[in-house]
PDB file of N, CA and C in Angstrom:
ATOM      1  N   MET A   1       0.844  -1.059  -0.109  1.00  0.00           N
ATOM      2  CA  MET A   1       0.039   0.052  -0.028  1.00  0.00           C
ATOM      3  C   MET A   1       0.856   1.354   0.004  1.00  0.00           C
ATOM      4  N   THR A   2       0.275   2.206  -0.411  1.00  0.00           N
ATOM      5  CA  THR A   2       0.868   3.649  -0.575  1.00  0.00           C
ATOM      6  C   THR A   2      -0.205   4.743  -0.275  1.00  0.00           C
ATOM      7  N   TYR A   3       0.208   5.885  -0.168  1.00  0.00           N
ATOM      8  CA  TYR A   3      -0.717   7.083  -0.023  1.00  0.00           C
ATOM      9  C   TYR A   3      -0.521   7.886  -1.241  1.00  0.00           C
ATOM     10  N   VAL A   4      -1.636   8.680  -1.690  1.00  0.00           N
ATOM     11  CA  VAL A   4      -1.293   9.599  -3.081  1.00  0.00           C
ATOM     12  C   VAL A   4      -2.163  10.656  -2.694  1.00  0.00           C
ATOM     13  N   VAL A   5      -1.882  11.746  -3.325  1.00  0.00           N
ATOM     14  CA  VAL A   5      -2.484  13.122  -3.159  1.00  0.00           C
ATOM     15  C   VAL A   5      -3.467  13.188  -4.409  1.00  0.00           C
ATOM     16  N   THR A   6      -4.708  13.448  -4.144  1.00  0.00           N
ATOM     17  CA  THR A   6      -5.805  13.779  -5.175  1.00  0.00           C
ATOM     18  C   THR A   6      -6.091  14.839  -5.569  1.00  0.00           C
ATOM     19  N   ASP A   7      -7.055  15.285  -6.502  1.00  0.00           N
ATOM     20  CA  ASP A   7      -7.109  16.559  -6.938  1.00  0.00           C
ATOM     21  C   ASP A   7      -7.728  17.504  -6.020  1.00  0.00           C
ATOM     22  N   ASN A   8      -8.206  17.223  -4.852  1.00  0.00           N
ATOM     23  CA  ASN A   8      -8.555  18.401  -3.800  1.00  0.00           C
ATOM     24  C   ASN A   8      -7.556  19.234  -3.299  1.00  0.00           C
ATOM     25  N   CYS A   9      -6.044  18.595  -3.569  1.00  0.00           N
ATOM     26  CA  CYS A   9      -5.093  19.507  -3.227  1.00  0.00           C
ATOM     27  C   CYS A   9      -4.934  20.567  -4.334  1.00  0.00           C
ATOM     28  N   ILE A  10      -5.174  20.405  -5.417  1.00  0.00           N
ATOM     29  CA  ILE A  10      -5.200  21.446  -6.339  1.00  0.00           C
ATOM     30  C   ILE A  10      -5.694  22.675  -5.970  1.00  0.00           C
ATOM     31  N   ALA A  11      -4.970  23.924  -6.248  1.00  0.00           N
ATOM     32  CA  ALA A  11      -5.376  25.100  -5.953  1.00  0.00           C
ATOM     33  C   ALA A  11      -5.482  25.423  -4.321  1.00  0.00           C
ATOM     34  N   CYS A  12      -5.040  24.654  -3.586  1.00  0.00           N
ATOM     35  CA  CYS A  12      -5.048  24.743  -2.113  1.00  0.00           C
ATOM     36  C   CYS A  12      -3.578  24.639  -1.564  1.00  0.00           C
ATOM     37  N   LYS A  13      -2.975  23.544  -1.795  1.00  0.00           N
ATOM     38  CA  LYS A  13      -1.590  23.130  -1.595  1.00  0.00           C
ATOM     39  C   LYS A  13      -1.357  23.542  -0.118  1.00  0.00           C
ATOM     40  N   TYR A  14      -2.086  22.835   0.662  1.00  0.00           N
ATOM     41  CA  TYR A  14      -1.716  22.795   2.100  1.00  0.00           C
ATOM     42  C   TYR A  14      -0.437  21.822   2.499  1.00  0.00           C
ATOM     43  N   THR A  15       0.367  22.274   3.187  1.00  0.00           N
ATOM     44  CA  THR A  15       1.681  21.530   3.532  1.00  0.00           C
ATOM     45  C   THR A  15       1.916  21.032   4.736  1.00  0.00           C
ATOM     46  N   ASP A  16       0.704  20.916   5.553  1.00  0.00           N
ATOM     47  CA  ASP A  16       0.839  20.501   6.609  1.00  0.00           C
ATOM     48  C   ASP A  16       1.554  18.984   6.797  1.00  0.00           C
ATOM     49  N   CYS A  17       1.085  18.254   5.622  1.00  0.00           N
ATOM     50  CA  CYS A  17       1.532  16.829   5.606  1.00  0.00           C
ATOM     51  C   CYS A  17       3.197  16.798   5.445  1.00  0.00           C
ATOM     52  N   VAL A  18       3.821  17.693   4.841  1.00  0.00           N
ATOM     53  CA  VAL A  18       5.144  17.645   4.624  1.00  0.00           C
ATOM     54  C   VAL A  18       6.085  17.532   5.842  1.00  0.00           C
ATOM     55  N   GLU A  19       5.523  18.057   6.936  1.00  0.00           N
ATOM     56  CA  GLU A  19       6.236  18.365   8.098  1.00  0.00           C
ATOM     57  C   GLU A  19       6.336  16.996   8.953  1.00  0.00           C
ATOM     58  N   VAL A  20       5.397  16.037   8.787  1.00  0.00           N
ATOM     59  CA  VAL A  20       5.226  14.963   9.442  1.00  0.00           C
ATOM     60  C   VAL A  20       5.857  13.558   8.895  1.00  0.00           C
ATOM     61  N   CYS A  21       6.126  14.056   7.470  1.00  0.00           N
ATOM     62  CA  CYS A  21       6.558  12.730   6.593  1.00  0.00           C
ATOM     63  C   CYS A  21       7.888  12.216   7.045  1.00  0.00           C
ATOM     64  N   PRO A  22       8.135  10.953   7.458  1.00  0.00           N
ATOM     65  CA  PRO A  22       9.554  10.601   8.090  1.00  0.00           C
ATOM     66  C   PRO A  22      10.411  10.411   6.702  1.00  0.00           C
ATOM     67  N   VAL A  23      10.057  10.256   5.588  1.00  0.00           N
ATOM     68  CA  VAL A  23      10.901   9.841   4.402  1.00  0.00           C
ATOM     69  C   VAL A  23      11.007  10.979   3.435  1.00  0.00           C
ATOM     70  N   ASP A  24      10.174  12.036   3.597  1.00  0.00           N
ATOM     71  CA  ASP A  24      10.268  13.146   2.645  1.00  0.00           C
ATOM     72  C   ASP A  24      10.059  12.839   1.182  1.00  0.00           C
ATOM     73  N   CYS A  25       8.872  11.952   1.034  1.00  0.00           N
ATOM     74  CA  CYS A  25       8.306  11.587  -0.296  1.00  0.00           C
ATOM     75  C   CYS A  25       7.441  12.390  -0.937  1.00  0.00           C
ATOM     76  N   PHE A  26       7.321  13.911  -0.412  1.00  0.00           N
ATOM     77  CA  PHE A  26       6.276  14.840  -0.937  1.00  0.00           C
ATOM     78  C   PHE A  26       7.049  15.536  -2.033  1.00  0.00           C
ATOM     79  N   TYR A  27       6.485  15.841  -3.117  1.00  0.00           N
ATOM     80  CA  TYR A  27       7.115  16.774  -4.306  1.00  0.00           C
ATOM     81  C   TYR A  27       5.990  17.591  -4.493  1.00  0.00           C
ATOM     82  N   GLU A  28       6.691  19.081  -4.551  1.00  0.00           N
ATOM     83  CA  GLU A  28       5.744  20.277  -5.115  1.00  0.00           C
ATOM     84  C   GLU A  28       5.653  20.705  -6.514  1.00  0.00           C
ATOM     85  N   GLY A  29       4.554  20.777  -6.890  1.00  0.00           N
ATOM     86  CA  GLY A  29       4.228  21.392  -8.031  1.00  0.00           C
ATOM     87  C   GLY A  29       3.563  22.909  -7.810  1.00  0.00           C
ATOM     88  N   GLU A  30       3.406  23.693  -8.756  1.00  0.00           N
ATOM     89  CA  GLU A  30       2.996  25.218  -8.724  1.00  0.00           C
ATOM     90  C   GLU A  30       1.844  25.200  -7.804  1.00  0.00           C
ATOM     91  N   ASN A  31       0.711  24.210  -7.998  1.00  0.00           N
ATOM     92  CA  ASN A  31      -0.510  24.468  -7.170  1.00  0.00           C
ATOM     93  C   ASN A  31      -0.750  23.200  -6.499  1.00  0.00           C
ATOM     94  N   MET A  32      -0.119  22.089  -6.288  1.00  0.00           N
ATOM     95  CA  MET A  32      -0.478  21.125  -5.650  1.00  0.00           C
ATOM     96  C   MET A  32       0.725  20.183  -5.173  1.00  0.00           C
ATOM     97  N   LEU A  33       0.509  19.237  -4.343  1.00  0.00           N
ATOM     98  CA  LEU A  33       1.726  18.344  -3.888  1.00  0.00           C
ATOM     99  C   LEU A  33       1.560  17.001  -4.379  1.00  0.00           C
ATOM    100  N   VAL A  34       2.378  16.098  -4.572  1.00  0.00           N
ATOM    101  CA  VAL A  34       2.143  14.635  -4.852  1.00  0.00           C
ATOM    102  C   VAL A  34       3.188  13.761  -4.069  1.00  0.00           C
ATOM    103  N   ILE A  35       2.862  12.421  -3.884  1.00  0.00           N
ATOM    104  CA  ILE A  35       3.572  11.655  -3.228  1.00  0.00           C
ATOM    105  C   ILE A  35       4.347  10.699  -4.074  1.00  0.00           C
ATOM    106  N   HIS A  36       5.519  10.416  -4.020  1.00  0.00           N
ATOM    107  CA  HIS A  36       6.206   9.266  -4.862  1.00  0.00           C
ATOM    108  C   HIS A  36       5.812   8.130  -4.040  1.00  0.00           C
ATOM    109  N   PRO A  37       4.853   7.146  -4.932  1.00  0.00           N
ATOM    110  CA  PRO A  37       4.501   6.110  -4.331  1.00  0.00           C
ATOM    111  C   PRO A  37       5.640   5.166  -4.176  1.00  0.00           C
ATOM    112  N   ASP A  38       6.930   5.083  -4.844  1.00  0.00           N
ATOM    113  CA  ASP A  38       8.026   4.263  -4.293  1.00  0.00           C
ATOM    114  C   ASP A  38       8.578   4.471  -3.121  1.00  0.00           C
ATOM    115  N   GLU A  39       8.333   5.827  -2.932  1.00  0.00           N
ATOM    116  CA  GLU A  39       9.380   6.250  -1.390  1.00  0.00           C
ATOM    117  C   GLU A  39       8.379   6.263  -0.288  1.00  0.00           C
ATOM    118  N   CYS A  40       7.058   6.255  -0.495  1.00  0.00           N
ATOM    119  CA  CYS A  40       6.201   6.302   0.619  1.00  0.00           C
ATOM    120  C   CYS A  40       6.142   5.074   1.251  1.00  0.00           C
ATOM    121  N   ILE A  41       6.474   4.919   2.726  1.00  0.00           N
ATOM    122  CA  ILE A  41       6.624   3.870   3.466  1.00  0.00           C
ATOM    123  C   ILE A  41       5.220   3.366   4.133  1.00  0.00           C
ATOM    124  N   ASP A  42       4.252   3.949   3.594  1.00  0.00           N
ATOM    125  CA  ASP A  42       2.758   3.668   4.046  1.00  0.00           C
ATOM    126  C   ASP A  42       2.388   3.832   5.606  1.00  0.00           C
ATOM    127  N   CYS A  43       3.097   4.722   6.133  1.00  0.00           N
ATOM    128  CA  CYS A  43       2.843   4.973   7.574  1.00  0.00           C
ATOM    129  C   CYS A  43       1.616   5.608   8.009  1.00  0.00           C
ATOM    130  N   GLY A  44       1.113   6.414   7.083  1.00  0.00           N
ATOM    131  CA  GLY A  44      -0.143   7.088   7.259  1.00  0.00           C
ATOM    132  C   GLY A  44      -0.326   8.301   8.030  1.00  0.00           C
ATOM    133  N   VAL A  45       0.962   8.938   8.308  1.00  0.00           N
ATOM    134  CA  VAL A  45       0.878  10.077   9.318  1.00  0.00           C
ATOM    135  C   VAL A  45       0.676  11.206   8.621  1.00  0.00           C
ATOM    136  N   CYS A  46       0.706  11.259   7.228  1.00  0.00           N
ATOM    137  CA  CYS A  46       0.290  12.292   6.537  1.00  0.00           C
ATOM    138  C   CYS A  46      -1.202  12.546   6.299  1.00  0.00           C
ATOM    139  N   GLU A  47      -1.975  11.494   6.233  1.00  0.00           N
ATOM    140  CA  GLU A  47      -3.329  11.494   5.780  1.00  0.00           C
ATOM    141  C   GLU A  47      -4.310  12.367   6.735  1.00  0.00           C
ATOM    142  N   PRO A  48      -4.159  12.182   8.087  1.00  0.00           N
ATOM    143  CA  PRO A  48      -4.914  13.000   9.088  1.00  0.00           C
ATOM    144  C   PRO A  48      -4.508  14.568   9.135  1.00  0.00           C
ATOM    145  N   GLU A  49      -3.242  14.678   8.518  1.00  0.00           N
ATOM    146  CA  GLU A  49      -2.648  16.125   8.755  1.00  0.00           C
ATOM    147  C   GLU A  49      -3.287  17.155   7.615  1.00  0.00           C
ATOM    148  N   CYS A  50      -3.800  16.462   6.558  1.00  0.00           N
ATOM    149  CA  CYS A  50      -4.286  17.229   5.373  1.00  0.00           C
ATOM    150  C   CYS A  50      -5.631  17.894   5.574  1.00  0.00           C
ATOM    151  N   PRO A  51      -5.611  19.378   5.644  1.00  0.00           N
ATOM    152  CA  PRO A  51      -6.975  19.837   5.835  1.00  0.00           C
ATOM    153  C   PRO A  51      -8.034  19.700   4.621  1.00  0.00           C
ATOM    154  N   ALA A  52      -7.479  19.518   3.457  1.00  0.00           N
ATOM    155  CA  ALA A  52      -8.461  19.163   2.339  1.00  0.00           C
ATOM    156  C   ALA A  52      -8.790  17.773   2.394  1.00  0.00           C
ATOM    157  N   ASP A  53      -8.314  16.809   2.925  1.00  0.00           N
ATOM    158  CA  ASP A  53      -8.544  15.432   2.903  1.00  0.00           C
ATOM    159  C   ASP A  53      -8.214  15.075   1.488  1.00  0.00           C
ATOM    160  N   ALA A  54      -7.294  15.388   1.020  1.00  0.00           N
ATOM    161  CA  ALA A  54      -6.793  15.154  -0.401  1.00  0.00           C
ATOM    162  C   ALA A  54      -5.861  13.966  -0.312  1.00  0.00           C
ATOM    163  N   ILE A  55      -5.371  13.493   0.821  1.00  0.00           N
ATOM    164  CA  ILE A  55      -4.352  12.154   0.727  1.00  0.00           C
ATOM    165  C   ILE A  55      -5.200  11.017   0.975  1.00  0.00           C
ATOM    166  N   ARG A  56      -5.079  10.136   0.077  1.00  0.00           N
ATOM    167  CA  ARG A  56      -6.004   8.815   0.264  1.00  0.00           C
ATOM    168  C   ARG A  56      -4.988   7.635   0.117  1.00  0.00           C
ATOM    169  N   PRO A  57      -5.351   6.501   0.741  1.00  0.00           N
ATOM    170  CA  PRO A  57      -4.437   5.259   0.571  1.00  0.00           C
ATOM    171  C   PRO A  57      -4.946   4.678  -1.005  1.00  0.00           C
ATOM    172  N   ASP A  58      -3.800   4.146  -1.527  1.00  0.00           N
ATOM    173  CA  ASP A  58      -4.201   3.430  -2.664  1.00  0.00           C
ATOM    174  C   ASP A  58      -5.150   2.374  -2.744  1.00  0.00           C
ATOM    175  N   THR A  59      -5.533   1.699  -1.645  1.00  0.00           N
ATOM    176  CA  THR A  59      -6.428   0.409  -1.503  1.00  0.00           C
ATOM    177  C   THR A  59      -7.907   1.182  -1.592  1.00  0.00           C
ATOM    178  N   GLU A  60      -8.141   2.278  -1.559  1.00  0.00           N
ATOM    179  CA  GLU A  60      -9.606   2.765  -1.877  1.00  0.00           C
ATOM    180  C   GLU A  60     -10.046   2.613  -3.409  1.00  0.00           C
ATOM    181  N   PRO A  61     -11.363   2.509  -3.667  1.00  0.00           N
ATOM    182  CA  PRO A  61     -11.553   2.372  -5.054  1.00  0.00           C
ATOM    183  C   PRO A  61     -11.154   3.380  -5.890  1.00  0.00           C
ATOM    184  N   GLU A  62     -10.817   3.097  -7.002  1.00  0.00           N
ATOM    185  CA  GLU A  62     -10.255   4.122  -8.364  1.00  0.00           C
ATOM    186  C   GLU A  62      -9.348   5.055  -7.979  1.00  0.00           C
ATOM    187  N   MET A  63      -8.163   4.447  -7.228  1.00  0.00           N
ATOM    188  CA  MET A  63      -7.195   5.227  -6.753  1.00  0.00           C
ATOM    189  C   MET A  63      -5.985   4.935  -7.820  1.00  0.00           C
ATOM    190  N   GLU A  64      -5.952   3.872  -8.601  1.00  0.00           N
ATOM    191  CA  GLU A  64      -4.754   3.488  -9.522  1.00  0.00           C
ATOM    192  C   GLU A  64      -4.442   4.713 -10.420  1.00  0.00           C
ATOM    193  N   PRO A  65      -5.456   5.373 -11.052  1.00  0.00           N
ATOM    194  CA  PRO A  65      -4.945   6.780 -11.812  1.00  0.00           C
ATOM    195  C   PRO A  65      -4.200   7.709 -10.995  1.00  0.00           C
ATOM    196  N   TRP A  66      -4.600   7.662  -9.684  1.00  0.00           N
ATOM    197  CA  TRP A  66      -3.768   8.738  -8.832  1.00  0.00           C
ATOM    198  C   TRP A  66      -2.464   8.036  -8.619  1.00  0.00           C
ATOM    199  N   VAL A  67      -2.323   6.929  -8.432  1.00  0.00           N
ATOM    200  CA  VAL A  67      -0.875   6.274  -8.162  1.00  0.00           C
ATOM    201  C   VAL A  67      -0.105   6.638  -9.413  1.00  0.00           C
ATOM    202  N   THR A  68      -0.631   6.719 -10.585  1.00  0.00           N
ATOM    203  CA  THR A  68      -0.068   6.971 -11.841  1.00  0.00           C
ATOM    204  C   THR A  68       0.493   8.286 -11.995  1.00  0.00           C
ATOM    205  N   PHE A  69      -0.496   9.362 -11.735  1.00  0.00           N
ATOM    206  CA  PHE A  69      -0.333  10.711 -11.596  1.00  0.00           C
ATOM    207  C   PHE A  69       0.735  11.074 -10.671  1.00  0.00           C
ATOM    208  N   ASN A  70       0.514  10.656  -9.315  1.00  0.00           N
ATOM    209  CA  ASN A  70       1.634  10.951  -8.340  1.00  0.00           C
ATOM    210  C   ASN A  70       2.927  10.568  -8.669  1.00  0.00           C
ATOM    211  N   ARG A  71       3.215   9.335  -9.307  1.00  0.00           N
ATOM    212  CA  ARG A  71       4.300   8.821  -9.626  1.00  0.00           C
ATOM    213  C   ARG A  71       4.877   9.802 -10.851  1.00  0.00           C
ATOM    214  N   LYS A  72       4.240  10.181 -11.873  1.00  0.00           N
ATOM    215  CA  LYS A  72       4.595  10.907 -13.087  1.00  0.00           C
ATOM    216  C   LYS A  72       5.155  12.248 -12.444  1.00  0.00           C
ATOM    217  N   TYR A  73       4.370  13.083 -11.602  1.00  0.00           N
ATOM    218  CA  TYR A  73       4.728  14.166 -11.172  1.00  0.00           C
ATOM    219  C   TYR A  73       5.716  14.244 -10.246  1.00  0.00           C
ATOM    220  N   SER A  74       5.974  13.279  -9.425  1.00  0.00           N
ATOM    221  CA  SER A  74       7.009  13.403  -8.428  1.00  0.00           C
ATOM    222  C   SER A  74       8.340  12.987  -9.021  1.00  0.00           C
ATOM    223  N   GLU A  75       8.352  12.555 -10.324  1.00  0.00           N
ATOM    224  CA  GLU A  75       9.677  12.358 -10.924  1.00  0.00           C
ATOM    225  C   GLU A  75      10.091  13.708 -11.742  1.00  0.00           C
ATOM    226  N   LYS A  76       9.191  14.597 -11.588  1.00  0.00           N
ATOM    227  CA  LYS A  76       9.288  15.808 -12.492  1.00  0.00           C
ATOM    228  C   LYS A  76       9.658  17.009 -11.475  1.00  0.00           C
ATOM    229  N   TRP A  77       8.765  17.005 -10.275  1.00  0.00           N
ATOM    230  CA  TRP A  77       8.865  18.163  -9.195  1.00  0.00           C
ATOM    231  C   TRP A  77       9.842  18.184  -8.277  1.00  0.00           C
ATOM    232  N   PRO A  78      10.241  19.183  -7.501  1.00  0.00           N
ATOM    233  CA  PRO A  78      11.044  19.054  -6.636  1.00  0.00           C
ATOM    234  C   PRO A  78      10.572  18.527  -5.184  1.00  0.00           C
ATOM    235  N   VAL A  79      11.475  17.917  -4.510  1.00  0.00           N
ATOM    236  CA  VAL A  79      10.930  17.555  -3.254  1.00  0.00           C
ATOM    237  C   VAL A  79      10.675  18.787  -2.228  1.00  0.00           C
ATOM    238  N   ILE A  80       9.566  18.532  -1.197  1.00  0.00           N
ATOM    239  CA  ILE A  80       9.397  19.710  -0.373  1.00  0.00           C
ATOM    240  C   ILE A  80       9.214  18.969   1.211  1.00  0.00           C
ATOM    241  N   ILE A  81      10.173  19.543   2.030  1.00  0.00           N
ATOM    242  CA  ILE A  81      10.069  19.130   3.275  1.00  0.00           C
ATOM    243  C   ILE A  81       9.807  20.047   4.553  1.00  0.00           C
ATOM    244  N   THR A  82       9.630  21.433   3.776  1.00  0.00           N
ATOM    245  CA  THR A  82       9.029  22.345   4.914  1.00  0.00           C
ATOM    246  C   THR A  82       7.732  22.865   4.527  1.00  0.00           C
ATOM    247  N   LYS A  83       7.000  23.163   5.624  1.00  0.00           N
ATOM    248  CA  LYS A  83       5.525  23.568   5.629  1.00  0.00           C
ATOM    249  C   LYS A  83       5.724  24.933   4.941  1.00  0.00           C
ATOM    250  N   LYS A  84       4.851  25.490   4.213  1.00  0.00           N
ATOM    251  CA  LYS A  84       4.516  26.815   3.688  1.00  0.00           C
ATOM    252  C   LYS A  84       3.176  27.084   3.876  1.00  0.00           C
ATOM    253  N   ASP A  85       2.980  28.282   3.543  1.00  0.00           N
ATOM    254  CA  ASP A  85       1.498  28.867   3.430  1.00  0.00           C
ATOM    255  C   ASP A  85       0.730  28.242   2.374  1.00  0.00           C
ATOM    256  N   PRO A  86      -0.462  27.928   2.528  1.00  0.00           N
ATOM    257  CA  PRO A  86      -1.573  27.436   1.442  1.00  0.00           C
ATOM    258  C   PRO A  86      -1.544  28.668   0.485  1.00  0.00           C
ATOM    259  N   LEU A  87      -2.082  28.232  -0.669  1.00  0.00           N
ATOM    260  CA  LEU A  87      -2.179  28.981  -1.836  1.00  0.00           C
ATOM    261  C   LEU A  87      -3.467  30.062  -1.311  1.00  0.00           C
ATOM    262  N   PRO A  88      -3.328  31.207  -1.870  1.00  0.00           N
ATOM    263  CA  PRO A  88      -4.386  32.106  -1.628  1.00  0.00           C
ATOM    264  C   PRO A  88      -5.887  31.569  -2.074  1.00  0.00           C
ATOM    265  N   GLY A  89      -6.678  31.766  -1.263  1.00  0.00           N
ATOM    266  CA  GLY A  89      -8.165  31.055  -1.758  1.00  0.00           C
ATOM    267  C   GLY A  89      -8.125  29.671  -1.306  1.00  0.00           C
ATOM    268  N   ALA A  90      -7.159  29.296  -0.645  1.00  0.00           N
ATOM    269  CA  ALA A  90      -7.398  27.699  -0.510  1.00  0.00           C
ATOM    270  C   ALA A  90      -8.504  27.384   0.155  1.00  0.00           C
ATOM    271  N   ASP A  91      -8.771  28.086   1.431  1.00  0.00           N
ATOM    272  CA  ASP A  91     -10.174  27.505   2.187  1.00  0.00           C
ATOM    273  C   ASP A  91     -11.523  27.691   1.140  1.00  0.00           C
ATOM    274  N   GLU A  92     -11.296  28.653   0.434  1.00  0.00           N
ATOM    275  CA  GLU A  92     -12.653  28.733  -0.591  1.00  0.00           C
ATOM    276  C   GLU A  92     -12.830  27.555  -1.551  1.00  0.00           C
ATOM    277  N   ARG A  93     -11.636  27.076  -1.969  1.00  0.00           N
ATOM    278  CA  ARG A  93     -11.428  26.266  -3.132  1.00  0.00           C
ATOM    279  C   ARG A  93     -11.578  24.657  -2.386  1.00  0.00           C
ATOM    280  N   ASP A  94     -11.337  24.634  -1.228  1.00  0.00           N
ATOM    281  CA  ASP A  94     -11.335  23.349  -0.396  1.00  0.00           C
ATOM    282  C   ASP A  94     -12.623  22.675  -0.940  1.00  0.00           C
ATOM    283  N   GLY A  95     -12.589  21.540  -1.510  1.00  0.00           N
ATOM    284  CA  GLY A  95     -13.945  20.718  -1.838  1.00  0.00           C
ATOM    285  C   GLY A  95     -14.660  21.064  -2.963  1.00  0.00           C
ATOM    286  N   GLU A  96     -13.850  22.053  -3.747  1.00  0.00           N
ATOM    287  CA  GLU A  96     -14.660  22.428  -5.205  1.00  0.00           C
ATOM    288  C   GLU A  96     -14.424  21.319  -5.997  1.00  0.00           C
ATOM    289  N   THR A  97     -15.404  21.094  -6.845  1.00  0.00           N
ATOM    290  CA  THR A  97     -15.440  20.031  -8.030  1.00  0.00           C
ATOM    291  C   THR A  97     -14.493  20.556  -9.166  1.00  0.00           C
ATOM    292  N   ASP A  98     -14.123  19.467  -9.783  1.00  0.00           N
ATOM    293  CA  ASP A  98     -13.434  19.769 -11.324  1.00  0.00           C
ATOM    294  C   ASP A  98     -12.306  20.579 -11.219  1.00  0.00           C
ATOM    295  N   LYS A  99     -11.522  20.590 -10.206  1.00  0.00           N
ATOM    296  CA  LYS A  99     -10.316  21.324 -10.013  1.00  0.00           C
ATOM    297  C   LYS A  99      -9.327  20.985 -11.153  1.00  0.00           C
ATOM    298  N   MET A 100      -9.236  19.627 -11.504  1.00  0.00           N
ATOM    299  CA  MET A 100      -8.159  19.148 -12.577  1.00  0.00           C
ATOM    300  C   MET A 100      -8.183  20.073 -13.735  1.00  0.00           C
ATOM    301  N   THR A 101      -9.437  20.180 -14.063  1.00  0.00           N
ATOM    302  CA  THR A 101      -9.564  21.063 -15.445  1.00  0.00           C
ATOM    303  C   THR A 101      -9.598  22.478 -15.189  1.00  0.00           C
ATOM    304  N   LYS A 102     -10.011  22.974 -14.304  1.00  0.00           N
ATOM    305  CA  LYS A 102     -10.181  24.390 -13.946  1.00  0.00           C
ATOM    306  C   LYS A 102      -8.899  25.064 -13.475  1.00  0.00           C
ATOM    307  N   TYR A 103      -7.727  24.062 -12.764  1.00  0.00           N
ATOM    308  CA  TYR A 103      -6.853  25.032 -12.220  1.00  0.00           C
ATOM    309  C   TYR A 103      -5.249  24.304 -12.301  1.00  0.00           C
ATOM    310  N   PHE A 104      -5.311  22.850 -12.501  1.00  0.00           N
ATOM    311  CA  PHE A 104      -4.093  22.011 -12.353  1.00  0.00           C
ATOM    312  C   PHE A 104      -3.099  22.649 -13.383  1.00  0.00           C
ATOM    313  N   SER A 105      -1.968  22.809 -12.910  1.00  0.00           N
ATOM    314  CA  SER A 105      -0.679  23.135 -13.646  1.00  0.00           C
ATOM    315  C   SER A 105       0.414  22.244 -13.527  1.00  0.00           C
ATOM    316  N   GLU A 106       0.935  21.646 -14.733  1.00  0.00           N
ATOM    317  CA  GLU A 106       2.135  20.760 -14.635  1.00  0.00           C
ATOM    318  C   GLU A 106       3.559  21.451 -14.153  1.00  0.00           C
ATOM    319  N   ALA A 107       3.540  22.936 -13.937  1.00  0.00           N
ATOM    320  CA  ALA A 107       4.730  23.527 -13.692  1.00  0.00           C
ATOM    321  C   ALA A 107       5.175  23.118 -12.136  1.00  0.00           C
ATOM    322  N   PRO A 108       6.549  22.985 -12.132  1.00  0.00           N
ATOM    323  CA  PRO A 108       6.953  22.483 -10.806  1.00  0.00           C
ATOM    324  C   PRO A 108       6.749  23.896  -9.845  1.00  0.00           C
ATOM    325  N   GLY A 109       7.005  23.399  -8.588  1.00  0.00           N
ATOM    326  CA  GLY A 109       6.972  24.363  -7.513  1.00  0.00           C
ATOM    327  C   GLY A 109       8.183  24.714  -7.312  1.00  0.00           C
ATOM    328  N   GLU A 110       8.664  25.443  -6.037  1.00  0.00           N
ATOM    329  CA  GLU A 110       9.913  25.857  -5.668  1.00  0.00           C
ATOM    330  C   GLU A 110      10.692  24.765  -4.858  1.00  0.00           C
ATOM    331  N   GLY A 111       9.854  23.855  -4.219  1.00  0.00           N
ATOM    332  CA  GLY A 111      10.699  22.813  -3.254  1.00  0.00           C
ATOM    333  C   GLY A 111      11.196  23.529  -2.065  1.00  0.00           C
ATOM    334  N   GLY A 112      11.871  22.704  -1.353  1.00  0.00           N
ATOM    335  CA  GLY A 112      12.369  23.260  -0.182  1.00  0.00           C
ATOM    336  C   GLY A 112      12.105  22.661   1.058  1.00  0.00           C
TER     337      GLY A 112
END
């Protein structure tokens, strides 16, 4: 099992999760985070830290596309290990539908 970040992170990018990750497997895009599925040790400490409920175990139904998505972008984006402020408007966008087509950016974040 592994954990993955889903679309509710898009346009929010809360980073509470990166502070608790013991193996630094989070990677930062311009407007979301992903988890490298091969680096995640399945400890689960990140899941309850996410205010947007965007981190899910890959054992939930229909998570395989998110495993692929997380793997793809974790290989392109820089690692993030330090908590940062969420994106402006994050609270308003939390739970919004269709965030992938409205807001997703393939651009890398700054990492750090």
